[in-house]
Amino acid sequence: MLVLLACGLVVTQSLGQSAGTAVPRAASPVAVIDLVRIFAECAQIKDLNEMIRQKRDDITREGNQRKEVIESKQSALSAFQPGKADYEARRKELVRLNTDANVWFKLMEDEIDRDMFHWTRVIYEQTMEIAGQVARESGYAVVLHRSEFKPFDIEQSVQTLRRFIQDRSVVYNIPDVDITDIVIRRMDAAYAAAGGRKQLLPAEEPPKQP
């Protein structure tokens, strides 16, 4: 599922009804929504995933540069005699560089995890708000999460299959009560009206090598 990046300005445009997103009055009190599709198809998610990808690429480049420096100094250390002052000075510098690199990488991974947590929460809260609007407009009393039954997209074990089956809230629904497409269109319209990707903060540059 998703991805996602440093905290930025969230959609500020009203998430209300937009042109082409009206829904008919419901013949059923229950609607369904596919959250997997929401987190795969809405425009904001796609932009955020791309920003995360770029950030990971930046981290990889910086990590490779640090690795090259460390390997170079490791190779140079072999020219000095262990126990001598010049050897010990270079060995301590090598230890420091390794420690700095490990700490830096852990901080970058933690930052991405925080960003993904933040944006997952934001997108889900937007989804709940818009799904609620659609439900009230069309007379639905309940909106349930549904997911496609795709047993060949998961690990091929009976334990995984059973967990997948148990996690499915809806076994069957008629297409007319699926509001996923309407919710995606409204989310995309609100995101575009608020400035689209411009409203998101760019990825922060990884800290440079000390």
C-alpha atoms as a PDB file:
ATOM      1  CA  MET A   1       0.000   0.000   0.000  1.00  0.00           C
ATOM      2  CA  LEU A   2       1.433   3.145   0.327  1.00  0.00           C
ATOM      3  CA  VAL A   3       4.015   5.302   0.714  1.00  0.00           C
ATOM      4  CA  LEU A   4       4.539   8.280   1.717  1.00  0.00           C
ATOM      5  CA  LEU A   5       6.640  11.611   2.624  1.00  0.00           C
ATOM      6  CA  ALA A   6       7.501  14.474   4.925  1.00  0.00           C
ATOM      7  CA  CYS A   7       4.543  16.258   6.494  1.00  0.00           C
ATOM      8  CA  GLY A   8       3.208  18.892   4.144  1.00  0.00           C
ATOM      9  CA  LEU A   9       0.118  21.012   3.680  1.00  0.00           C
ATOM     10  CA  VAL A  10      -2.822  18.630   3.505  1.00  0.00           C
ATOM     11  CA  VAL A  11      -5.764  19.150   1.178  1.00  0.00           C
ATOM     12  CA  THR A  12      -7.443  22.351   2.323  1.00  0.00           C
ATOM     13  CA  GLN A  13     -10.087  22.564  -0.366  1.00  0.00           C
ATOM     14  CA  SER A  14     -13.545  21.505   0.779  1.00  0.00           C
ATOM     15  CA  LEU A  15     -14.029  17.801   0.276  1.00  0.00           C
ATOM     16  CA  GLY A  16     -17.630  18.336  -0.691  1.00  0.00           C
ATOM     17  CA  GLN A  17     -19.482  17.258  -3.777  1.00  0.00           C
ATOM     18  CA  SER A  18     -17.839  18.101  -7.105  1.00  0.00           C
ATOM     19  CA  ALA A  19     -19.170  18.044 -10.624  1.00  0.00           C
ATOM     20  CA  GLY A  20     -19.620  14.528 -11.921  1.00  0.00           C
ATOM     21  CA  THR A  21     -19.522  12.938  -8.488  1.00  0.00           C
ATOM     22  CA  ALA A  22     -23.183  13.025  -7.537  1.00  0.00           C
ATOM     23  CA  VAL A  23     -24.690   9.760  -6.386  1.00  0.00           C
ATOM     24  CA  PRO A  24     -28.233   8.394  -6.773  1.00  0.00           C
ATOM     25  CA  ARG A  25     -30.475   7.722  -3.814  1.00  0.00           C
ATOM     26  CA  ALA A  26     -29.740   4.334  -2.366  1.00  0.00           C
ATOM     27  CA  ALA A  27     -31.982   1.318  -2.637  1.00  0.00           C
ATOM     28  CA  SER A  28     -29.929  -0.358   0.097  1.00  0.00           C
ATOM     29  CA  PRO A  29     -28.970   0.959   3.567  1.00  0.00           C
ATOM     30  CA  VAL A  30     -25.441  -0.429   3.170  1.00  0.00           C
ATOM     31  CA  ALA A  31     -22.643   0.687   0.824  1.00  0.00           C
ATOM     32  CA  VAL A  32     -19.146  -0.710   0.328  1.00  0.00           C
ATOM     33  CA  ILE A  33     -15.759   0.852  -0.407  1.00  0.00           C
ATOM     34  CA  ASP A  34     -12.485  -0.733  -1.504  1.00  0.00           C
ATOM     35  CA  LEU A  35      -9.751   0.874   0.599  1.00  0.00           C
ATOM     36  CA  VAL A  36      -7.021  -0.988  -1.273  1.00  0.00           C
ATOM     37  CA  ARG A  37      -8.050   0.813  -4.447  1.00  0.00           C
ATOM     38  CA  ILE A  38      -8.253   4.140  -2.611  1.00  0.00           C
ATOM     39  CA  PHE A  39      -4.647   3.759  -1.443  1.00  0.00           C
ATOM     40  CA  ALA A  40      -3.503   2.686  -4.894  1.00  0.00           C
ATOM     41  CA  GLU A  41      -5.383   4.975  -7.251  1.00  0.00           C
ATOM     42  CA  CYS A  42      -6.031   8.412  -5.763  1.00  0.00           C
ATOM     43  CA  ALA A  43      -3.823  11.182  -7.164  1.00  0.00           C
ATOM     44  CA  GLN A  44      -2.415  12.321  -3.828  1.00  0.00           C
ATOM     45  CA  ILE A  45      -1.182   8.824  -3.011  1.00  0.00           C
ATOM     46  CA  LYS A  46       0.542   8.558  -6.389  1.00  0.00           C
ATOM     47  CA  ASP A  47       2.332  11.874  -5.887  1.00  0.00           C
ATOM     48  CA  LEU A  48       3.378  10.972  -2.362  1.00  0.00           C
ATOM     49  CA  ASN A  49       4.661   7.567  -3.445  1.00  0.00           C
ATOM     50  CA  GLU A  50       6.762   9.240  -6.129  1.00  0.00           C
ATOM     51  CA  MET A  51       8.200  11.664  -3.573  1.00  0.00           C
ATOM     52  CA  ILE A  52       9.048   8.756  -1.273  1.00  0.00           C
ATOM     53  CA  ARG A  53      10.758   6.978  -4.155  1.00  0.00           C
ATOM     54  CA  GLN A  54      12.847  10.064  -4.872  1.00  0.00           C
ATOM     55  CA  LYS A  55      13.759  10.344  -1.212  1.00  0.00           C
ATOM     56  CA  ARG A  56      14.873   6.720  -1.099  1.00  0.00           C
ATOM     57  CA  ASP A  57      16.991   7.316  -4.205  1.00  0.00           C
ATOM     58  CA  ASP A  58      18.654  10.293  -2.484  1.00  0.00           C
ATOM     59  CA  ILE A  59      19.348   8.182   0.595  1.00  0.00           C
ATOM     60  CA  THR A  60      20.818   5.410  -1.554  1.00  0.00           C
ATOM     61  CA  ARG A  61      23.148   7.846  -3.332  1.00  0.00           C
ATOM     62  CA  GLU A  62      24.306   9.376  -0.057  1.00  0.00           C
ATOM     63  CA  GLY A  63      24.761   5.917   1.453  1.00  0.00           C
ATOM     64  CA  ASN A  64      26.882   4.788  -1.485  1.00  0.00           C
ATOM     65  CA  GLN A  65      29.078   7.860  -1.147  1.00  0.00           C
ATOM     66  CA  ARG A  66      29.628   7.141   2.542  1.00  0.00           C
ATOM     67  CA  LYS A  67      30.393   3.501   1.751  1.00  0.00           C
ATOM     68  CA  GLU A  68      33.018   4.480  -0.826  1.00  0.00           C
ATOM     69  CA  VAL A  69      34.752   6.769   1.674  1.00  0.00           C
ATOM     70  CA  ILE A  70      34.765   4.048   4.326  1.00  0.00           C
ATOM     71  CA  GLU A  71      36.084   1.410   1.942  1.00  0.00           C
ATOM     72  CA  SER A  72      38.823   3.746   0.762  1.00  0.00           C
ATOM     73  CA  LYS A  73      39.958   4.473   4.310  1.00  0.00           C
ATOM     74  CA  GLN A  74      39.742   0.778   5.190  1.00  0.00           C
ATOM     75  CA  SER A  75      42.035  -0.033   2.297  1.00  0.00           C
ATOM     76  CA  ALA A  76      44.461   2.751   3.251  1.00  0.00           C
ATOM     77  CA  LEU A  77      44.604   1.480   6.846  1.00  0.00           C
ATOM     78  CA  SER A  78      46.289  -1.723   5.720  1.00  0.00           C
ATOM     79  CA  ALA A  79      49.405   0.267   4.858  1.00  0.00           C
ATOM     80  CA  PHE A  80      49.985   1.189   8.511  1.00  0.00           C
ATOM     81  CA  GLN A  81      51.329  -0.959  11.315  1.00  0.00           C
ATOM     82  CA  PRO A  82      48.846  -1.922  14.034  1.00  0.00           C
ATOM     83  CA  GLY A  83      49.656  -0.447  17.421  1.00  0.00           C
ATOM     84  CA  LYS A  84      51.396   2.623  16.031  1.00  0.00           C
ATOM     85  CA  ALA A  85      49.982   6.095  16.667  1.00  0.00           C
ATOM     86  CA  ASP A  86      49.215   6.808  13.001  1.00  0.00           C
ATOM     87  CA  TYR A  87      47.434   3.440  12.678  1.00  0.00           C
ATOM     88  CA  GLU A  88      45.308   4.029  15.782  1.00  0.00           C
ATOM     89  CA  ALA A  89      44.309   7.516  14.641  1.00  0.00           C
ATOM     90  CA  ARG A  90      43.118   6.199  11.292  1.00  0.00           C
ATOM     91  CA  ARG A  91      41.402   3.202  12.881  1.00  0.00           C
ATOM     92  CA  LYS A  92      39.438   5.501  15.236  1.00  0.00           C
ATOM     93  CA  GLU A  93      38.430   7.688  12.305  1.00  0.00           C
ATOM     94  CA  LEU A  94      37.202   4.600  10.466  1.00  0.00           C
ATOM     95  CA  VAL A  95      35.152   3.525  13.490  1.00  0.00           C
ATOM     96  CA  ARG A  96      33.637   7.007  13.694  1.00  0.00           C
ATOM     97  CA  LEU A  97      32.735   7.014  10.005  1.00  0.00           C
ATOM     98  CA  ASN A  98      31.063   3.604  10.308  1.00  0.00           C
ATOM     99  CA  THR A  99      29.125   4.712  13.371  1.00  0.00           C
ATOM    100  CA  ASP A 100      28.042   7.959  11.724  1.00  0.00           C
ATOM    101  CA  ALA A 101      26.879   6.081   8.620  1.00  0.00           C
ATOM    102  CA  ASN A 102      24.857   3.569  10.626  1.00  0.00           C
ATOM    103  CA  VAL A 103      23.219   6.267  12.760  1.00  0.00           C
ATOM    104  CA  TRP A 104      22.461   8.391   9.684  1.00  0.00           C
ATOM    105  CA  PHE A 105      20.849   5.487   7.845  1.00  0.00           C
ATOM    106  CA  LYS A 106      18.699   4.588  10.862  1.00  0.00           C
ATOM    107  CA  LEU A 107      17.533   8.205  11.180  1.00  0.00           C
ATOM    108  CA  MET A 108      16.577   8.290   7.485  1.00  0.00           C
ATOM    109  CA  GLU A 109      14.620   5.036   7.766  1.00  0.00           C
ATOM    110  CA  ASP A 110      12.820   6.316  10.880  1.00  0.00           C
ATOM    111  CA  GLU A 111      11.945   9.528   9.053  1.00  0.00           C
ATOM    112  CA  ILE A 112      10.412   7.639   6.141  1.00  0.00           C
ATOM    113  CA  ASP A 113       8.431   5.471   8.574  1.00  0.00           C
ATOM    114  CA  ARG A 114       7.071   8.612  10.279  1.00  0.00           C
ATOM    115  CA  ASP A 115       6.166  10.121   6.927  1.00  0.00           C
ATOM    116  CA  MET A 116       4.358   6.966   5.831  1.00  0.00           C
ATOM    117  CA  PHE A 117       2.426   6.848   9.122  1.00  0.00           C
ATOM    118  CA  HIS A 118       1.439  10.510   8.765  1.00  0.00           C
ATOM    119  CA  TRP A 119       0.212  10.280   5.184  1.00  0.00           C
ATOM    120  CA  THR A 120      -1.578   6.965   5.704  1.00  0.00           C
ATOM    121  CA  ARG A 121      -3.540   8.607   8.503  1.00  0.00           C
ATOM    122  CA  VAL A 122      -4.239  11.733   6.423  1.00  0.00           C
ATOM    123  CA  ILE A 123      -5.513   9.832   3.387  1.00  0.00           C
ATOM    124  CA  TYR A 124      -7.665   7.536   5.522  1.00  0.00           C
ATOM    125  CA  GLU A 125      -9.225  10.498   7.348  1.00  0.00           C
ATOM    126  CA  GLN A 126     -10.012  12.141   3.999  1.00  0.00           C
ATOM    127  CA  THR A 127     -11.504   8.873   2.763  1.00  0.00           C
ATOM    128  CA  MET A 128     -13.744   8.601   5.837  1.00  0.00           C
ATOM    129  CA  GLU A 129     -14.934  12.198   5.437  1.00  0.00           C
ATOM    130  CA  ILE A 130     -15.820  11.858   1.771  1.00  0.00           C
ATOM    131  CA  ALA A 131     -17.339   8.391   2.177  1.00  0.00           C
ATOM    132  CA  GLY A 132     -19.530   9.847   4.921  1.00  0.00           C
ATOM    133  CA  GLN A 133     -20.632  12.680   2.635  1.00  0.00           C
ATOM    134  CA  VAL A 134     -21.530  10.242  -0.147  1.00  0.00           C
ATOM    135  CA  ALA A 135     -23.407   8.023   2.297  1.00  0.00           C
ATOM    136  CA  ARG A 136     -25.458  10.925   3.693  1.00  0.00           C
ATOM    137  CA  GLU A 137     -26.283  12.239   0.229  1.00  0.00           C
ATOM    138  CA  SER A 138     -27.458   8.869  -1.048  1.00  0.00           C
ATOM    139  CA  GLY A 139     -29.147   7.510   2.069  1.00  0.00           C
ATOM    140  CA  TYR A 140     -26.673   4.840   3.116  1.00  0.00           C
ATOM    141  CA  ALA A 141     -26.655   4.109   6.828  1.00  0.00           C
ATOM    142  CA  VAL A 142     -23.443   2.034   6.829  1.00  0.00           C
ATOM    143  CA  VAL A 143     -20.300   1.893   4.655  1.00  0.00           C
ATOM    144  CA  LEU A 144     -18.297  -1.336   4.868  1.00  0.00           C
ATOM    145  CA  HIS A 145     -14.798  -2.089   3.641  1.00  0.00           C
ATOM    146  CA  ARG A 146     -14.621  -4.651   0.864  1.00  0.00           C
ATOM    147  CA  SER A 147     -11.624  -6.212  -0.859  1.00  0.00           C
ATOM    148  CA  GLU A 148     -11.303  -8.317  -3.967  1.00  0.00           C
ATOM    149  CA  PHE A 149     -10.750 -12.011  -3.385  1.00  0.00           C
ATOM    150  CA  LYS A 150      -7.391 -12.586  -5.103  1.00  0.00           C
ATOM    151  CA  PRO A 151      -5.919 -15.746  -3.570  1.00  0.00           C
ATOM    152  CA  PHE A 152      -3.073 -15.924  -6.091  1.00  0.00           C
ATOM    153  CA  ASP A 153      -1.751 -12.486  -5.091  1.00  0.00           C
ATOM    154  CA  ILE A 154      -0.844 -13.638  -1.586  1.00  0.00           C
ATOM    155  CA  GLU A 155       1.560 -16.163  -0.091  1.00  0.00           C
ATOM    156  CA  GLN A 156       0.456 -19.637  -1.161  1.00  0.00           C
ATOM    157  CA  SER A 157      -0.136 -21.128   2.269  1.00  0.00           C
ATOM    158  CA  VAL A 158      -3.372 -22.202   3.928  1.00  0.00           C
ATOM    159  CA  GLN A 159      -2.611 -20.067   7.010  1.00  0.00           C
ATOM    160  CA  THR A 160      -2.235 -16.900   4.909  1.00  0.00           C
ATOM    161  CA  LEU A 161      -5.341 -17.733   2.902  1.00  0.00           C
ATOM    162  CA  ARG A 162      -7.399 -18.245   6.064  1.00  0.00           C
ATOM    163  CA  ARG A 163      -6.238 -14.906   7.507  1.00  0.00           C
ATOM    164  CA  PHE A 164      -7.089 -13.233   4.212  1.00  0.00           C
ATOM    165  CA  ILE A 165     -10.578 -14.745   4.223  1.00  0.00           C
ATOM    166  CA  GLN A 166     -11.167 -13.803   7.870  1.00  0.00           C
ATOM    167  CA  ASP A 167     -10.122 -10.199   7.193  1.00  0.00           C
ATOM    168  CA  ARG A 168     -12.687  -9.741   4.426  1.00  0.00           C
ATOM    169  CA  SER A 169     -15.692  -7.833   5.757  1.00  0.00           C
ATOM    170  CA  VAL A 170     -17.902  -8.251   2.683  1.00  0.00           C
ATOM    171  CA  VAL A 171     -18.415 -11.565   0.924  1.00  0.00           C
ATOM    172  CA  TYR A 172     -20.763 -10.247  -1.758  1.00  0.00           C
ATOM    173  CA  ASN A 173     -22.278  -6.957  -2.886  1.00  0.00           C
ATOM    174  CA  ILE A 174     -24.084  -5.716  -5.944  1.00  0.00           C
ATOM    175  CA  PRO A 175     -22.029  -3.199  -7.967  1.00  0.00           C
ATOM    176  CA  ASP A 176     -24.538  -0.394  -7.394  1.00  0.00           C
ATOM    177  CA  VAL A 177     -23.592  -0.061  -3.699  1.00  0.00           C
ATOM    178  CA  ASP A 178     -19.846   0.264  -4.347  1.00  0.00           C
ATOM    179  CA  ILE A 179     -18.947   3.951  -3.852  1.00  0.00           C
ATOM    180  CA  THR A 180     -15.188   3.569  -4.408  1.00  0.00           C
ATOM    181  CA  ASP A 181     -15.086   5.317  -7.793  1.00  0.00           C
ATOM    182  CA  ILE A 182     -17.138   8.263  -6.519  1.00  0.00           C
ATOM    183  CA  VAL A 183     -14.870   8.693  -3.494  1.00  0.00           C
ATOM    184  CA  ILE A 184     -11.710   8.587  -5.635  1.00  0.00           C
ATOM    185  CA  ARG A 185     -13.101  11.204  -8.045  1.00  0.00           C
ATOM    186  CA  ARG A 186     -14.021  13.526  -5.189  1.00  0.00           C
ATOM    187  CA  MET A 187     -10.649  13.097  -3.478  1.00  0.00           C
ATOM    188  CA  ASP A 188      -8.831  13.827  -6.733  1.00  0.00           C
ATOM    189  CA  ALA A 189     -10.986  16.889  -7.406  1.00  0.00           C
ATOM    190  CA  ALA A 190     -10.360  18.304  -3.928  1.00  0.00           C
ATOM    191  CA  TYR A 191      -6.631  17.581  -4.178  1.00  0.00           C
ATOM    192  CA  ALA A 192      -6.367  19.296  -7.574  1.00  0.00           C
ATOM    193  CA  ALA A 193      -8.409  22.310  -6.408  1.00  0.00           C
ATOM    194  CA  ALA A 194      -6.057  22.765  -3.439  1.00  0.00           C
ATOM    195  CA  GLY A 195      -2.996  22.907  -5.683  1.00  0.00           C
ATOM    196  CA  GLY A 196      -2.157  19.264  -6.240  1.00  0.00           C
ATOM    197  CA  ARG A 197       1.447  18.295  -5.700  1.00  0.00           C
ATOM    198  CA  LYS A 198       2.465  21.926  -5.138  1.00  0.00           C
ATOM    199  CA  GLN A 199       0.855  21.828  -1.706  1.00  0.00           C
ATOM    200  CA  LEU A 200       3.146  19.000  -0.584  1.00  0.00           C
ATOM    201  CA  LEU A 201       6.498  19.810   0.966  1.00  0.00           C
ATOM    202  CA  PRO A 202       9.461  18.543  -1.070  1.00  0.00           C
ATOM    203  CA  ALA A 203      11.552  15.739   0.323  1.00  0.00           C
ATOM    204  CA  GLU A 204      14.153  16.938   2.784  1.00  0.00           C
ATOM    205  CA  GLU A 205      17.743  16.423   1.774  1.00  0.00           C
ATOM    206  CA  PRO A 206      19.480  13.737   3.867  1.00  0.00           C
ATOM    207  CA  PRO A 207      21.990  15.227   6.313  1.00  0.00           C
ATOM    208  CA  LYS A 208      25.417  15.568   4.776  1.00  0.00           C
ATOM    209  CA  GLN A 209      28.378  13.585   6.007  1.00  0.00           C
ATOM    210  CA  PRO A 210      29.900  15.233   9.130  1.00  0.00           C
END
